Amino acid sequence: TLTDRLTDIIQRSHDCGIAVQGNFICGLDCDGPESFDLIFDCYQKTKIDSFMLNVLVPYPNTTLRNRLRSEDRILDNNWEHYDNRHVVYQPKQLTIDQLVNGYVELTRSIYNAGQVLTDSLGILKNNGAKMGAAFAIGHKLSFLYDTLRKERTFRAGRGL
């Protein structure tokens, strides 16, 4: 499977002392309610050192924004909300509540204090006390903090 191949590539990178960062976007047109479980499965199996997770943002003057606007799926034109903390468009296969709740639950699973500690120890084991490992651990801690802020903003914006 794709996850198995990715796991092999990441392990070979770790064997060479290279830390790996994965960037994932939730709310793409191909994403349905099951996508959050698939992302979590990938996270658990691959042992990516630094895991970045965001909700899709159709930034101004992009092909994506133009397409979503032509499909009448842009819900919010307040540029202050184009900050990875608000859902400003209508996803194709998810309700906004499914996207917000799925994202919040996924980030809670990945970025909680116990998981961050476990992952940080794994990073040190895989990479030693090198700059890349320190960066990955710092990233995990900062994302834990950011996740809590995002959850509050998402829930406040959706009345959840």
N, C-alpha and C. Protein backbone atom coordinates (compact mmCIF):
# COMPACT_ATOMS: atom_id res chain seq x y z
N THR A 1 0.83 -1.19 0.00
CA THR A 1 0.00 0.00 0.00
C THR A 1 0.88 1.25 0.00
N LEU A 2 0.25 2.37 -0.24
CA LEU A 2 0.97 3.64 -0.23
C LEU A 2 1.57 3.93 1.15
N THR A 3 0.80 3.64 2.20
CA THR A 3 1.30 3.87 3.56
C THR A 3 2.51 2.99 3.84
N ASP A 4 2.50 1.75 3.38
CA ASP A 4 3.65 0.86 3.59
C ASP A 4 4.89 1.38 2.86
N ARG A 5 4.71 1.86 1.64
CA ARG A 5 5.86 2.43 0.90
C ARG A 5 6.39 3.67 1.58
N LEU A 6 5.47 4.50 2.07
CA LEU A 6 5.87 5.72 2.78
C LEU A 6 6.61 5.37 4.07
N THR A 7 6.13 4.36 4.78
CA THR A 7 6.79 3.91 6.01
C THR A 7 8.21 3.46 5.70
N ASP A 8 8.41 2.73 4.61
CA ASP A 8 9.74 2.27 4.22
C ASP A 8 10.66 3.46 3.90
N ILE A 9 10.16 4.42 3.17
CA ILE A 9 10.96 5.60 2.82
C ILE A 9 11.36 6.37 4.08
N ILE A 10 10.41 6.53 5.00
CA ILE A 10 10.71 7.27 6.23
C ILE A 10 11.72 6.50 7.08
N GLN A 11 11.60 5.19 7.15
CA GLN A 11 12.56 4.40 7.91
C GLN A 11 13.96 4.52 7.31
N ARG A 12 14.06 4.49 5.98
CA ARG A 12 15.37 4.66 5.34
C ARG A 12 15.93 6.05 5.62
N SER A 13 15.07 7.05 5.66
CA SER A 13 15.51 8.41 6.00
C SER A 13 16.02 8.44 7.44
N HIS A 14 15.29 7.82 8.36
CA HIS A 14 15.73 7.76 9.76
C HIS A 14 17.07 7.05 9.88
N ASP A 15 17.25 5.98 9.11
CA ASP A 15 18.51 5.23 9.14
C ASP A 15 19.69 6.12 8.74
N CYS A 16 19.41 7.15 7.93
CA CYS A 16 20.45 8.09 7.50
C CYS A 16 20.52 9.31 8.41
N GLY A 17 19.73 9.31 9.51
CA GLY A 17 19.74 10.44 10.44
C GLY A 17 18.92 11.62 9.98
N ILE A 18 17.97 11.40 9.08
CA ILE A 18 17.15 12.48 8.54
C ILE A 18 15.78 12.45 9.21
N ALA A 19 15.38 13.59 9.77
CA ALA A 19 14.03 13.73 10.32
C ALA A 19 13.08 14.07 9.17
N VAL A 20 11.86 13.59 9.26
CA VAL A 20 10.88 13.76 8.18
C VAL A 20 9.66 14.52 8.68
N GLN A 21 9.26 15.52 7.89
CA GLN A 21 8.04 16.28 8.20
C GLN A 21 6.98 15.94 7.17
N GLY A 22 5.77 15.68 7.64
CA GLY A 22 4.64 15.44 6.76
C GLY A 22 3.64 16.56 6.89
N ASN A 23 3.11 17.03 5.78
CA ASN A 23 2.12 18.10 5.77
C ASN A 23 0.81 17.56 5.19
N PHE A 24 -0.26 17.67 5.93
CA PHE A 24 -1.55 17.14 5.52
C PHE A 24 -2.60 18.24 5.57
N ILE A 25 -3.48 18.25 4.57
CA ILE A 25 -4.55 19.24 4.49
C ILE A 25 -5.88 18.50 4.53
N CYS A 26 -6.76 18.91 5.42
CA CYS A 26 -8.09 18.32 5.55
C CYS A 26 -9.10 19.20 4.81
N GLY A 27 -10.07 18.56 4.20
CA GLY A 27 -11.14 19.29 3.54
C GLY A 27 -10.98 19.42 2.04
N LEU A 28 -10.09 18.62 1.46
CA LEU A 28 -9.96 18.61 0.01
C LEU A 28 -11.24 18.02 -0.59
N ASP A 29 -11.47 18.27 -1.87
CA ASP A 29 -12.69 17.77 -2.50
C ASP A 29 -12.80 16.25 -2.45
N CYS A 30 -11.69 15.55 -2.39
CA CYS A 30 -11.73 14.08 -2.35
C CYS A 30 -11.92 13.55 -0.92
N ASP A 31 -11.89 14.42 0.08
CA ASP A 31 -12.01 14.00 1.48
C ASP A 31 -13.46 13.79 1.89
N GLY A 32 -13.71 12.63 2.47
CA GLY A 32 -15.00 12.33 3.07
C GLY A 32 -14.80 12.11 4.56
N PRO A 33 -15.83 11.72 5.26
CA PRO A 33 -15.72 11.53 6.72
C PRO A 33 -14.64 10.52 7.12
N GLU A 34 -14.33 9.56 6.25
CA GLU A 34 -13.32 8.53 6.58
C GLU A 34 -11.89 9.06 6.47
N SER A 35 -11.70 10.22 5.86
CA SER A 35 -10.35 10.72 5.61
C SER A 35 -9.57 10.97 6.90
N PHE A 36 -10.26 11.34 7.97
CA PHE A 36 -9.57 11.61 9.23
C PHE A 36 -8.95 10.33 9.80
N ASP A 37 -9.68 9.22 9.68
CA ASP A 37 -9.13 7.93 10.13
C ASP A 37 -7.95 7.51 9.27
N LEU A 38 -8.01 7.77 7.97
CA LEU A 38 -6.91 7.42 7.08
C LEU A 38 -5.65 8.23 7.41
N ILE A 39 -5.83 9.51 7.70
CA ILE A 39 -4.69 10.35 8.08
C ILE A 39 -4.10 9.86 9.39
N PHE A 40 -4.95 9.54 10.37
CA PHE A 40 -4.44 9.05 11.65
C PHE A 40 -3.70 7.73 11.48
N ASP A 41 -4.23 6.86 10.64
CA ASP A 41 -3.56 5.58 10.36
C ASP A 41 -2.18 5.82 9.76
N CYS A 42 -2.10 6.74 8.84
CA CYS A 42 -0.81 7.10 8.23
C CYS A 42 0.15 7.63 9.29
N TYR A 43 -0.35 8.51 10.14
CA TYR A 43 0.46 9.08 11.23
C TYR A 43 1.03 7.98 12.13
N GLN A 44 0.18 7.04 12.53
CA GLN A 44 0.62 5.99 13.44
C GLN A 44 1.62 5.03 12.79
N LYS A 45 1.38 4.66 11.55
CA LYS A 45 2.21 3.64 10.91
C LYS A 45 3.55 4.17 10.41
N THR A 46 3.59 5.42 9.96
CA THR A 46 4.81 5.91 9.29
C THR A 46 5.86 6.45 10.24
N LYS A 47 5.48 6.85 11.44
CA LYS A 47 6.41 7.44 12.40
C LYS A 47 7.07 8.71 11.85
N ILE A 48 6.26 9.54 11.17
CA ILE A 48 6.73 10.84 10.70
C ILE A 48 7.13 11.65 11.92
N ASP A 49 8.29 12.31 11.85
CA ASP A 49 8.81 13.04 13.01
C ASP A 49 8.01 14.30 13.31
N SER A 50 7.66 15.03 12.30
CA SER A 50 6.95 16.29 12.47
C SER A 50 5.72 16.23 11.56
N PHE A 51 4.57 16.35 12.17
CA PHE A 51 3.31 16.13 11.47
C PHE A 51 2.53 17.44 11.46
N MET A 52 2.38 18.05 10.31
CA MET A 52 1.67 19.31 10.20
C MET A 52 0.30 19.05 9.60
N LEU A 53 -0.73 19.60 10.23
CA LEU A 53 -2.10 19.33 9.83
C LEU A 53 -2.88 20.64 9.81
N ASN A 54 -3.54 20.91 8.69
CA ASN A 54 -4.34 22.13 8.57
C ASN A 54 -5.60 21.85 7.77
N VAL A 55 -6.52 22.80 7.83
CA VAL A 55 -7.72 22.78 7.02
C VAL A 55 -7.44 23.61 5.77
N LEU A 56 -7.97 23.17 4.66
CA LEU A 56 -7.79 23.86 3.39
C LEU A 56 -8.22 25.32 3.49
N VAL A 57 -7.40 26.21 2.92
CA VAL A 57 -7.72 27.64 2.85
C VAL A 57 -7.61 28.08 1.39
N PRO A 58 -8.71 28.55 0.79
CA PRO A 58 -8.66 29.03 -0.60
C PRO A 58 -8.18 30.49 -0.64
N TYR A 59 -6.88 30.67 -0.60
CA TYR A 59 -6.29 32.01 -0.52
C TYR A 59 -6.65 32.86 -1.74
N PRO A 60 -6.65 34.17 -1.56
CA PRO A 60 -6.99 35.10 -2.65
C PRO A 60 -6.07 34.92 -3.86
N ASN A 61 -6.62 35.19 -5.01
CA ASN A 61 -5.87 35.17 -6.27
C ASN A 61 -5.25 33.82 -6.59
N THR A 62 -5.93 32.74 -6.19
CA THR A 62 -5.47 31.40 -6.52
C THR A 62 -6.50 30.71 -7.40
N THR A 63 -6.04 29.73 -8.13
CA THR A 63 -6.95 28.94 -8.95
C THR A 63 -8.01 28.27 -8.09
N LEU A 64 -7.61 27.78 -6.91
CA LEU A 64 -8.56 27.12 -6.02
C LEU A 64 -9.67 28.08 -5.62
N ARG A 65 -9.31 29.26 -5.18
CA ARG A 65 -10.35 30.23 -4.77
C ARG A 65 -11.27 30.57 -5.94
N ASN A 66 -10.68 30.79 -7.10
CA ASN A 66 -11.49 31.12 -8.27
C ASN A 66 -12.48 29.99 -8.61
N ARG A 67 -12.00 28.75 -8.51
CA ARG A 67 -12.88 27.61 -8.80
C ARG A 67 -14.00 27.51 -7.77
N LEU A 68 -13.65 27.61 -6.49
CA LEU A 68 -14.67 27.52 -5.44
C LEU A 68 -15.67 28.66 -5.54
N ARG A 69 -15.21 29.83 -5.91
CA ARG A 69 -16.11 30.97 -6.09
C ARG A 69 -17.06 30.70 -7.27
N SER A 70 -16.52 30.16 -8.35
CA SER A 70 -17.38 29.87 -9.51
C SER A 70 -18.39 28.77 -9.19
N GLU A 71 -18.08 27.90 -8.24
CA GLU A 71 -18.99 26.85 -7.80
C GLU A 71 -19.89 27.32 -6.65
N ASP A 72 -19.78 28.61 -6.30
CA ASP A 72 -20.57 29.22 -5.22
C ASP A 72 -20.33 28.51 -3.88
N ARG A 73 -19.07 28.15 -3.62
CA ARG A 73 -18.73 27.45 -2.38
C ARG A 73 -17.94 28.31 -1.40
N ILE A 74 -17.66 29.55 -1.75
CA ILE A 74 -17.00 30.47 -0.81
C ILE A 74 -18.08 31.02 0.11
N LEU A 75 -17.89 30.86 1.43
CA LEU A 75 -18.89 31.25 2.41
C LEU A 75 -18.52 32.52 3.16
N ASP A 76 -17.25 32.90 3.11
CA ASP A 76 -16.77 34.00 3.94
C ASP A 76 -15.72 34.77 3.15
N ASN A 77 -15.92 36.07 2.99
CA ASN A 77 -14.95 36.91 2.29
C ASN A 77 -14.15 37.80 3.23
N ASN A 78 -14.26 37.57 4.52
CA ASN A 78 -13.49 38.35 5.49
C ASN A 78 -12.07 37.78 5.52
N TRP A 79 -11.12 38.53 4.97
CA TRP A 79 -9.74 38.03 4.83
C TRP A 79 -9.10 37.71 6.17
N GLU A 80 -9.59 38.29 7.25
CA GLU A 80 -9.04 37.95 8.57
C GLU A 80 -9.34 36.50 8.95
N HIS A 81 -10.32 35.91 8.30
CA HIS A 81 -10.68 34.52 8.58
C HIS A 81 -9.91 33.51 7.74
N TYR A 82 -9.06 33.99 6.86
CA TYR A 82 -8.25 33.10 6.02
C TYR A 82 -6.94 32.80 6.75
N ASP A 83 -7.06 32.14 7.89
CA ASP A 83 -5.96 32.01 8.85
C ASP A 83 -5.75 30.59 9.36
N ASN A 84 -6.29 29.59 8.70
CA ASN A 84 -6.21 28.19 9.15
C ASN A 84 -6.96 27.95 10.45
N ARG A 85 -7.81 28.88 10.85
CA ARG A 85 -8.61 28.73 12.07
C ARG A 85 -10.11 28.91 11.81
N HIS A 86 -10.46 29.10 10.55
CA HIS A 86 -11.85 29.27 10.16
C HIS A 86 -12.08 28.45 8.88
N VAL A 87 -13.27 27.89 8.75
CA VAL A 87 -13.65 27.25 7.50
C VAL A 87 -14.41 28.30 6.70
N VAL A 88 -13.85 28.67 5.55
CA VAL A 88 -14.40 29.79 4.77
C VAL A 88 -15.04 29.32 3.46
N TYR A 89 -15.17 28.02 3.28
CA TYR A 89 -15.72 27.47 2.05
C TYR A 89 -16.56 26.24 2.40
N GLN A 90 -17.40 25.82 1.49
CA GLN A 90 -18.19 24.61 1.67
C GLN A 90 -17.44 23.42 1.09
N PRO A 91 -16.99 22.48 1.94
CA PRO A 91 -16.33 21.28 1.40
C PRO A 91 -17.29 20.50 0.50
N LYS A 92 -16.71 19.70 -0.38
CA LYS A 92 -17.52 18.97 -1.35
C LYS A 92 -18.22 17.75 -0.75
N GLN A 93 -17.50 16.95 0.05
CA GLN A 93 -18.05 15.70 0.56
C GLN A 93 -18.23 15.67 2.08
N LEU A 94 -18.06 16.82 2.72
CA LEU A 94 -18.20 16.93 4.17
C LEU A 94 -19.09 18.13 4.48
N THR A 95 -19.84 18.03 5.57
CA THR A 95 -20.48 19.24 6.08
C THR A 95 -19.39 20.03 6.80
N ILE A 96 -19.64 21.28 7.05
CA ILE A 96 -18.66 22.08 7.78
C ILE A 96 -18.46 21.50 9.18
N ASP A 97 -19.55 21.09 9.82
CA ASP A 97 -19.43 20.48 11.15
C ASP A 97 -18.60 19.20 11.12
N GLN A 98 -18.76 18.37 10.07
CA GLN A 98 -17.94 17.16 9.95
C GLN A 98 -16.46 17.53 9.81
N LEU A 99 -16.17 18.55 9.02
CA LEU A 99 -14.79 18.97 8.84
C LEU A 99 -14.20 19.49 10.14
N VAL A 100 -14.93 20.37 10.81
CA VAL A 100 -14.43 20.94 12.08
C VAL A 100 -14.27 19.84 13.12
N ASN A 101 -15.30 19.03 13.32
CA ASN A 101 -15.23 17.98 14.35
C ASN A 101 -14.16 16.94 14.02
N GLY A 102 -14.07 16.54 12.74
CA GLY A 102 -13.04 15.57 12.34
C GLY A 102 -11.65 16.12 12.55
N TYR A 103 -11.44 17.36 12.16
CA TYR A 103 -10.13 18.00 12.34
C TYR A 103 -9.77 18.12 13.83
N VAL A 104 -10.72 18.58 14.63
CA VAL A 104 -10.47 18.74 16.07
C VAL A 104 -10.13 17.40 16.71
N GLU A 105 -10.91 16.37 16.42
CA GLU A 105 -10.64 15.05 17.00
C GLU A 105 -9.31 14.49 16.53
N LEU A 106 -8.99 14.68 15.27
CA LEU A 106 -7.72 14.20 14.74
C LEU A 106 -6.55 14.91 15.42
N THR A 107 -6.64 16.22 15.54
CA THR A 107 -5.55 16.94 16.19
C THR A 107 -5.44 16.58 17.67
N ARG A 108 -6.58 16.34 18.32
CA ARG A 108 -6.52 15.89 19.72
C ARG A 108 -5.81 14.54 19.83
N SER A 109 -6.03 13.67 18.87
CA SER A 109 -5.39 12.35 18.89
C SER A 109 -3.89 12.44 18.66
N ILE A 110 -3.49 13.36 17.80
CA ILE A 110 -2.07 13.48 17.45
C ILE A 110 -1.33 14.41 18.40
N TYR A 111 -1.98 15.49 18.78
CA TYR A 111 -1.31 16.52 19.58
C TYR A 111 -1.93 16.63 20.95
N ASN A 112 -1.68 15.62 21.77
CA ASN A 112 -2.00 15.71 23.19
C ASN A 112 -0.69 15.51 23.92
N ALA A 113 -0.62 15.91 25.15
CA ALA A 113 0.65 15.92 25.89
C ALA A 113 1.31 14.54 25.91
N GLY A 114 0.52 13.49 26.16
CA GLY A 114 1.09 12.14 26.21
C GLY A 114 1.65 11.70 24.87
N GLN A 115 0.91 11.97 23.80
CA GLN A 115 1.37 11.58 22.47
C GLN A 115 2.61 12.37 22.07
N VAL A 116 2.64 13.67 22.39
CA VAL A 116 3.81 14.49 22.06
C VAL A 116 5.04 13.96 22.79
N LEU A 117 4.89 13.59 24.06
CA LEU A 117 6.02 13.03 24.81
C LEU A 117 6.49 11.72 24.19
N THR A 118 5.56 10.82 23.89
CA THR A 118 5.91 9.53 23.27
C THR A 118 6.61 9.75 21.94
N ASP A 119 6.05 10.63 21.10
CA ASP A 119 6.65 10.91 19.80
C ASP A 119 8.03 11.54 19.94
N SER A 120 8.19 12.44 20.91
CA SER A 120 9.48 13.10 21.11
C SER A 120 10.55 12.10 21.51
N LEU A 121 10.21 11.15 22.37
CA LEU A 121 11.16 10.11 22.74
C LEU A 121 11.51 9.25 21.54
N GLY A 122 10.52 8.98 20.68
CA GLY A 122 10.77 8.22 19.45
C GLY A 122 11.69 8.97 18.50
N ILE A 123 11.50 10.28 18.40
CA ILE A 123 12.36 11.10 17.54
C ILE A 123 13.79 11.04 18.03
N LEU A 124 13.98 11.18 19.33
CA LEU A 124 15.34 11.11 19.88
C LEU A 124 15.96 9.74 19.64
N LYS A 125 15.15 8.68 19.77
CA LYS A 125 15.65 7.32 19.53
C LYS A 125 16.05 7.15 18.07
N ASN A 126 15.21 7.65 17.15
CA ASN A 126 15.47 7.48 15.72
C ASN A 126 16.60 8.36 15.20
N ASN A 127 16.71 9.57 15.76
CA ASN A 127 17.61 10.56 15.18
C ASN A 127 18.74 11.01 16.09
N GLY A 128 18.70 10.61 17.37
CA GLY A 128 19.70 11.10 18.29
C GLY A 128 19.43 12.56 18.64
N ALA A 129 20.30 13.11 19.46
CA ALA A 129 20.13 14.50 19.90
C ALA A 129 20.78 15.43 18.88
N LYS A 130 20.15 15.53 17.72
CA LYS A 130 20.65 16.37 16.63
C LYS A 130 19.71 17.55 16.45
N MET A 131 20.14 18.52 15.65
CA MET A 131 19.34 19.71 15.40
C MET A 131 17.99 19.36 14.80
N GLY A 132 17.95 18.41 13.87
CA GLY A 132 16.68 18.02 13.26
C GLY A 132 15.71 17.47 14.28
N ALA A 133 16.23 16.68 15.22
CA ALA A 133 15.37 16.12 16.27
C ALA A 133 14.85 17.23 17.17
N ALA A 134 15.72 18.16 17.52
CA ALA A 134 15.30 19.28 18.37
C ALA A 134 14.22 20.10 17.66
N PHE A 135 14.39 20.32 16.36
CA PHE A 135 13.39 21.06 15.61
C PHE A 135 12.06 20.32 15.60
N ALA A 136 12.10 19.01 15.35
CA ALA A 136 10.87 18.22 15.29
C ALA A 136 10.14 18.24 16.63
N ILE A 137 10.88 18.13 17.72
CA ILE A 137 10.26 18.16 19.05
C ILE A 137 9.68 19.55 19.33
N GLY A 138 10.42 20.59 18.99
CA GLY A 138 9.92 21.95 19.16
C GLY A 138 8.66 22.18 18.35
N HIS A 139 8.65 21.64 17.13
CA HIS A 139 7.48 21.77 16.28
C HIS A 139 6.28 21.09 16.90
N LYS A 140 6.48 19.90 17.46
CA LYS A 140 5.38 19.18 18.10
C LYS A 140 4.81 19.98 19.27
N LEU A 141 5.69 20.56 20.07
CA LEU A 141 5.22 21.35 21.21
C LEU A 141 4.47 22.59 20.76
N SER A 142 4.98 23.26 19.74
CA SER A 142 4.30 24.46 19.26
C SER A 142 2.96 24.10 18.61
N PHE A 143 2.91 22.96 17.94
CA PHE A 143 1.65 22.56 17.31
C PHE A 143 0.63 22.13 18.36
N LEU A 144 1.09 21.56 19.47
CA LEU A 144 0.18 21.22 20.57
C LEU A 144 -0.50 22.50 21.06
N TYR A 145 0.28 23.54 21.28
CA TYR A 145 -0.28 24.83 21.72
C TYR A 145 -1.21 25.40 20.65
N ASP A 146 -0.78 25.39 19.40
CA ASP A 146 -1.57 25.94 18.31
C ASP A 146 -2.88 25.17 18.14
N THR A 147 -2.86 23.88 18.34
CA THR A 147 -4.05 23.04 18.21
C THR A 147 -5.13 23.48 19.20
N LEU A 148 -4.72 23.79 20.42
CA LEU A 148 -5.69 24.23 21.42
C LEU A 148 -6.33 25.56 21.00
N ARG A 149 -5.53 26.47 20.46
CA ARG A 149 -6.05 27.76 19.99
C ARG A 149 -6.99 27.56 18.80
N LYS A 150 -6.60 26.69 17.86
CA LYS A 150 -7.44 26.45 16.69
C LYS A 150 -8.79 25.87 17.10
N GLU A 151 -8.77 24.93 18.02
CA GLU A 151 -10.02 24.30 18.43
C GLU A 151 -10.99 25.34 18.99
N ARG A 152 -10.49 26.23 19.84
CA ARG A 152 -11.36 27.27 20.40
C ARG A 152 -11.96 28.13 19.29
N THR A 153 -11.14 28.54 18.32
CA THR A 153 -11.61 29.41 17.25
C THR A 153 -12.61 28.68 16.34
N PHE A 154 -12.28 27.43 15.97
CA PHE A 154 -13.19 26.66 15.12
C PHE A 154 -14.54 26.50 15.80
N ARG A 155 -14.53 26.11 17.04
CA ARG A 155 -15.79 25.86 17.76
C ARG A 155 -16.57 27.16 17.96
N ALA A 156 -15.89 28.24 18.26
CA ALA A 156 -16.57 29.53 18.43
C ALA A 156 -17.19 29.97 17.11
N GLY A 157 -16.47 29.78 16.02
CA GLY A 157 -16.96 30.20 14.70
C GLY A 157 -18.13 29.37 14.21
N ARG A 158 -18.24 28.14 14.67
CA ARG A 158 -19.32 27.24 14.21
C ARG A 158 -20.43 27.10 15.25
N GLY A 159 -20.26 27.75 16.40
CA GLY A 159 -21.26 27.63 17.45
C GLY A 159 -21.29 26.24 18.06
N LEU A 160 -20.15 25.55 18.02
CA LEU A 160 -20.09 24.18 18.56
C LEU A 160 -19.70 24.20 20.02
